[in-house]
Every structure is written in structure tokens, then in C-alpha cells.
Amino acid sequence: MEISIKVNEVKNKDKVKAFATVVFGDSFKITNITILEGKEGNLYVSMPRYRSNEKDENGGHIYKDICNPITAEFREKLYSDIIEAYEKLGANEEDKQKGSSPVMPEFKVTVVPYERENSNIKGLARVYFEDSFVVGNINIFQGKEKVFVAMPSYKTKQVDDNGKAVYQDICYPVTKEFRDKLFTEIEKAYVEAKDKQQSENKEKESAKEKDRSKTTGGCEFMTIPDGHDSPFR
């Protein structure tokens, strides 16, 4: 997978040394990748994370990656390239561009339908890039007429004209061509997953009806009105 890397150094912060941005081909961007310095002076990479509702044994919130490499080989290559780009700050940042004509990355999509009362979220999606990198926390929302896709984002300190908080995407398509292709595949996968779920629910309900029929022997029971004796002894 062709990648390009850009690193911005951070001043006056103890552990955080820089933030990196990675672009797959020229189509999909990952931001908010942090380069940190360990206790022994070693550098390491931290992918963008979110605070989950889960807590550790000390009661602290557990943070989970929004996106991350899938294979050890790609993780090692990606992280070493990011650190190398940081160490070469001031040099030609385009050295990390692989190839003169970036190719749109191949991907596949999985969607889990999601239903919760008083929630507009209708599905949760994950995108797998060439079986090497996964992006999660992609929400499918119900709009006025149809569903729409929302990429992982974080709340900024800015507000819009109505005083509402402004959110910034963390992982997102760069080109309109790739955005249309990606979002179409996500929406298609959502419809297919929802249809499959509904079909499975009908099959389960049908199986329950058959079980109830077997229990009663297929007979209908007579209801005796109050005040009347049963014709059976």
C-alpha cells in the first residue's frame, strides 16, 4: 500500500514530540497520530484513540484505538517510517511519497446494524485497507430521508454560528472520488447487513413458533367461560 507521511513537531511539551499524518495513496488520510518519548528516551507511535465507557481495575477510563495496523509487518513498517520522518524533520518531507502516481487503496467494509431507543445511530462500520490497516468507529446515522456516514471525529474548542461545538474528522477520505466510493460501499453493506439481520430474526421467530406448536401437540385449547363446568371429567 502506497503511503505518504507528514510530521509536525510539537514545542514545549514533555513527552509529546510531534503529530503525524498518514495518507494512503492520495485517497484516505489518518490524522492525530502522536509521536511520544518514553522514559528511556526511546520514541514510539500512538494511534488516535477515544475514551471508552469501560474502566480498569483502578476505576480509570480505558482508551481504545480508533484505527490501527492489523499485521505485525505493516505495523513495524508504518511506525518505523513515521519515526524516521520525525527524525528527518527539516529534510525533504516528500521523501516518504511512494511512487509518482499514488493508487487508490483497495478496501473492504463490514457493518453491524445498531438499534437503540432515542438514538439516530443505525449502524457501526469498519473499513479494512488491503488487510493491513483497519479504521473503526464509523457511524451510520439516520437522516431525514436516508442514512449517512460519519467518520471518526473529535470535539474542537471552536463553535459554529449557532454556538454548537465543531467536530473535526480524524480519519477521512481526501478525494471526492474515493469518498463517494467508500460511502457507497458502507451504505450498501449496511442495507445488506440489516436485511440479513431481519431475515435471521424472522427465522428465529418461526423456529420459536414451531417449538410452541410441538409443545402443545398442534392442538388448540378450549377456554371455559367463568361459571361454566368443564365438559371433561
Protein backbone atom coordinates (compact mmCIF):
# COMPACT_ATOMS: atom_id res chain seq x y z
CA MET A 1 0.00 0.00 0.00
CA GLU A 2 1.42 3.36 -1.04
CA ILE A 3 1.70 5.85 1.81
CA SER A 4 2.93 9.38 2.40
CA ILE A 5 3.80 10.79 5.81
CA LYS A 6 3.92 14.34 7.15
CA VAL A 7 5.17 15.22 10.63
CA ASN A 8 4.66 18.43 12.60
CA GLU A 9 6.95 18.92 15.58
CA VAL A 10 5.44 19.99 18.91
CA LYS A 11 7.32 22.51 21.08
CA ASN A 12 7.20 22.91 24.86
CA LYS A 13 5.63 19.54 25.60
CA ASP A 14 7.47 17.00 27.69
CA LYS A 15 6.50 13.61 26.24
CA VAL A 16 4.71 14.59 23.02
CA LYS A 17 7.31 15.25 20.35
CA ALA A 18 5.22 15.51 17.19
CA PHE A 19 1.97 14.75 15.43
CA ALA A 20 1.94 12.76 12.21
CA THR A 21 -0.46 12.46 9.30
CA VAL A 22 -0.53 9.43 7.02
CA VAL A 23 -2.21 9.31 3.60
CA PHE A 24 -2.98 6.05 1.80
CA GLY A 25 -2.34 6.65 -1.89
CA ASP A 26 -3.90 10.07 -2.37
CA SER A 27 -7.29 8.95 -1.12
CA PHE A 28 -7.57 8.46 2.65
CA LYS A 29 -5.98 10.42 5.50
CA ILE A 30 -5.22 9.44 9.11
CA THR A 31 -4.51 12.37 11.45
CA ASN A 32 -3.75 12.82 15.16
CA ILE A 33 -1.02 10.16 15.22
CA THR A 34 1.24 11.02 18.16
CA ILE A 35 4.99 10.53 18.43
CA LEU A 36 5.96 10.20 22.09
CA GLU A 37 9.20 9.90 24.01
CA GLY A 38 9.49 7.10 26.56
CA LYS A 39 11.21 7.20 29.95
CA GLU A 40 14.48 5.96 28.48
CA GLY A 41 14.41 8.44 25.61
CA ASN A 42 13.07 5.98 23.06
CA LEU A 43 10.43 7.16 20.57
CA TYR A 44 7.17 5.34 19.97
CA VAL A 45 3.98 5.88 17.98
CA SER A 46 0.46 6.15 19.42
CA MET A 47 -2.52 5.91 17.07
CA PRO A 48 -5.54 8.21 17.60
CA ARG A 49 -7.70 6.96 20.48
CA TYR A 50 -11.03 7.57 22.16
CA ARG A 51 -12.15 7.24 25.77
CA SER A 52 -14.47 4.25 26.13
CA ASN A 53 -17.08 3.63 28.83
CA GLU A 54 -15.02 0.73 30.14
CA LYS A 55 -12.88 1.20 33.24
CA ASP A 56 -9.75 -0.50 34.54
CA GLU A 57 -9.27 -2.06 37.98
CA ASN A 58 -8.39 1.36 39.41
CA GLY A 59 -11.55 2.99 38.10
CA GLY A 60 -9.82 4.89 35.31
CA HIS A 61 -11.28 5.09 31.81
CA ILE A 62 -9.87 2.71 29.20
CA TYR A 63 -8.75 4.28 25.93
CA LYS A 64 -9.07 2.38 22.66
CA ASP A 65 -7.53 2.92 19.23
CA ILE A 66 -9.79 4.41 16.58
CA CYS A 67 -7.64 2.88 13.87
CA ASN A 68 -4.56 0.68 13.85
CA PRO A 69 -2.39 -1.64 11.74
CA ILE A 70 -3.66 -5.22 11.53
CA THR A 71 -0.47 -7.15 10.79
CA ALA A 72 2.80 -7.03 12.68
CA GLU A 73 4.67 -6.49 9.41
CA PHE A 74 2.67 -3.42 8.42
CA ARG A 75 2.74 -2.05 11.97
CA GLU A 76 6.52 -2.30 12.14
CA LYS A 77 6.95 -0.66 8.74
CA LEU A 78 4.43 2.13 9.36
CA TYR A 79 5.72 3.03 12.81
CA SER A 80 9.38 2.97 11.75
CA ASP A 81 8.56 5.18 8.74
CA ILE A 82 6.74 7.67 10.99
CA ILE A 83 9.64 7.86 13.46
CA GLU A 84 12.12 8.15 10.60
CA ALA A 85 10.11 11.04 9.15
CA TYR A 86 10.23 12.75 12.55
CA GLU A 87 13.99 12.27 12.83
CA LYS A 88 14.42 13.77 9.36
CA LEU A 89 12.46 16.94 10.08
CA GLY A 90 13.91 19.76 8.04
CA ALA A 91 14.74 17.43 5.17
CA ASN A 92 12.53 16.85 2.15
CA GLU A 93 9.18 15.69 3.55
CA GLU A 94 8.19 14.26 0.20
CA ASP A 95 10.80 11.50 0.55
CA LYS A 96 8.11 9.29 2.03
CA GLN A 97 5.88 9.54 -1.03
CA LYS A 98 5.91 6.12 -2.66
CA GLY A 99 5.59 6.36 -6.43
CA SER A 100 4.78 9.30 -8.68
CA SER A 101 1.10 8.39 -9.19
CA PRO A 102 -0.50 7.17 -5.96
CA VAL A 103 -3.02 4.39 -6.43
CA MET A 104 -6.42 4.34 -4.73
CA PRO A 105 -6.12 1.74 -1.92
CA GLU A 106 -8.20 -1.42 -2.01
CA PHE A 107 -10.58 -1.88 0.91
CA LYS A 108 -13.46 -3.93 2.28
CA VAL A 109 -16.24 -2.94 4.63
CA THR A 110 -18.11 -4.62 7.49
CA VAL A 111 -21.22 -3.16 9.14
CA VAL A 112 -23.14 -4.14 12.27
CA PRO A 113 -26.73 -2.77 12.40
CA TYR A 114 -27.33 -0.86 15.61
CA GLU A 115 -30.67 -0.09 17.19
CA ARG A 116 -31.13 1.79 20.43
CA GLU A 117 -34.08 3.83 21.64
CA ASN A 118 -33.73 7.61 21.17
CA SER A 119 -30.57 7.17 19.07
CA ASN A 120 -30.06 8.20 15.45
CA ILE A 121 -27.16 5.76 15.07
CA LYS A 122 -28.29 2.89 12.88
CA GLY A 123 -25.03 1.06 12.24
CA LEU A 124 -21.35 0.79 13.14
CA ALA A 125 -18.84 0.26 10.32
CA ARG A 126 -15.22 -0.80 9.98
CA VAL A 127 -13.02 -0.37 6.91
CA TYR A 128 -10.09 -2.69 6.20
CA PHE A 129 -7.39 -1.35 3.89
CA GLU A 130 -5.66 -4.16 1.98
CA ASP A 131 -5.84 -6.41 5.06
CA SER A 132 -3.17 -4.21 6.65
CA PHE A 133 -4.95 -1.35 8.40
CA VAL A 134 -8.39 -1.02 9.98
CA VAL A 135 -10.47 2.07 10.74
CA GLY A 136 -13.34 1.68 13.20
CA ASN A 137 -15.78 3.98 15.00
CA ILE A 138 -17.53 4.86 11.74
CA ASN A 139 -21.16 5.69 12.48
CA ILE A 140 -24.15 5.34 10.20
CA PHE A 141 -26.82 7.89 11.09
CA GLN A 142 -30.45 8.10 10.09
CA GLY A 143 -31.14 11.33 8.23
CA LYS A 144 -34.49 12.81 7.25
CA GLU A 145 -34.68 10.79 4.03
CA LYS A 146 -31.82 8.27 4.15
CA VAL A 147 -28.82 7.16 6.17
CA PHE A 148 -25.46 8.92 6.00
CA VAL A 149 -21.91 8.09 7.06
CA ALA A 150 -19.95 9.94 9.78
CA MET A 151 -16.22 9.32 10.09
CA PRO A 152 -14.42 9.22 13.49
CA SER A 153 -14.03 12.74 14.86
CA TYR A 154 -13.10 14.76 17.92
CA LYS A 155 -14.63 17.81 19.55
CA THR A 156 -12.66 21.02 18.96
CA LYS A 157 -12.71 24.21 21.03
CA GLN A 158 -14.42 26.05 18.19
CA VAL A 159 -18.16 26.71 17.86
CA ASP A 160 -20.29 27.40 14.80
CA ASP A 161 -22.64 30.33 14.17
CA ASN A 162 -25.31 28.64 16.29
CA GLY A 163 -22.97 28.18 19.23
CA LYS A 164 -22.65 24.42 18.73
CA ALA A 165 -19.32 22.64 19.11
CA VAL A 166 -17.37 22.00 15.91
CA TYR A 167 -16.10 18.45 15.32
CA GLN A 168 -13.04 17.59 13.23
CA ASP A 169 -12.66 14.28 11.40
CA ILE A 170 -9.69 12.14 12.44
CA CYS A 171 -9.79 9.64 9.57
CA TYR A 172 -11.44 10.60 6.31
CA PRO A 173 -11.40 10.36 2.50
CA VAL A 174 -9.31 13.03 0.79
CA THR A 175 -10.76 12.98 -2.73
CA LYS A 176 -14.41 13.20 -3.77
CA GLU A 177 -13.96 10.12 -5.95
CA PHE A 178 -12.79 7.97 -3.06
CA ARG A 179 -15.34 9.46 -0.65
CA ASP A 180 -18.20 8.55 -3.00
CA LYS A 181 -16.80 5.04 -3.48
CA LEU A 182 -16.21 4.44 0.24
CA PHE A 183 -19.51 5.85 1.49
CA THR A 184 -21.47 3.99 -1.18
CA GLU A 185 -19.87 0.71 -0.11
CA ILE A 186 -20.59 1.43 3.57
CA GLU A 187 -24.24 2.28 2.90
CA LYS A 188 -24.61 -0.81 0.69
CA ALA A 189 -23.06 -3.03 3.39
CA TYR A 190 -25.45 -1.52 5.95
CA VAL A 191 -28.52 -2.35 3.86
CA GLU A 192 -27.28 -5.91 3.27
CA ALA A 193 -26.46 -6.42 6.96
CA LYS A 194 -29.83 -5.02 8.03
CA ASP A 195 -31.72 -7.26 5.57
CA LYS A 196 -29.73 -10.28 6.79
CA GLN A 197 -30.45 -9.41 10.42
CA GLN A 198 -34.19 -9.06 9.74
CA SER A 199 -34.20 -12.38 7.88
CA GLU A 200 -32.43 -14.12 10.76
CA ASN A 201 -34.88 -12.62 13.26
CA LYS A 202 -37.82 -13.94 11.21
CA GLU A 203 -36.22 -17.40 11.11
CA LYS A 204 -35.73 -17.36 14.88
CA GLU A 205 -39.33 -16.31 15.45
CA SER A 206 -40.54 -19.01 13.07
CA ALA A 207 -38.45 -21.61 14.94
CA LYS A 208 -39.99 -20.46 18.24
CA GLU A 209 -43.49 -20.84 16.79
CA LYS A 210 -42.65 -24.40 15.69
CA ASP A 211 -41.32 -25.22 19.17
CA ARG A 212 -44.53 -23.91 20.76
CA SER A 213 -46.58 -25.96 18.30
CA LYS A 214 -44.66 -29.13 19.19
CA THR A 215 -45.19 -28.46 22.92
CA THR A 216 -48.97 -28.23 22.51
CA GLY A 217 -49.11 -31.07 20.00
CA GLY A 218 -50.63 -28.77 17.45
CA CYS A 219 -53.87 -28.63 19.45
CA GLU A 220 -55.92 -25.59 20.28
CA PHE A 221 -57.06 -25.34 23.88
CA MET A 222 -60.67 -24.62 24.80
CA THR A 223 -61.33 -21.63 27.01
CA ILE A 224 -64.07 -22.26 29.62
CA PRO A 225 -66.09 -19.15 30.46
CA ASP A 226 -66.42 -18.27 34.14
CA GLY A 227 -69.33 -20.01 35.89
CA HIS A 228 -69.48 -22.93 33.46
CA ASP A 229 -68.43 -26.51 34.17
CA SER A 230 -65.91 -28.26 32.05
CA PRO A 231 -67.40 -30.95 29.77
CA PHE A 232 -64.49 -33.21 30.71
CA ARG A 233 -64.14 -35.31 33.86
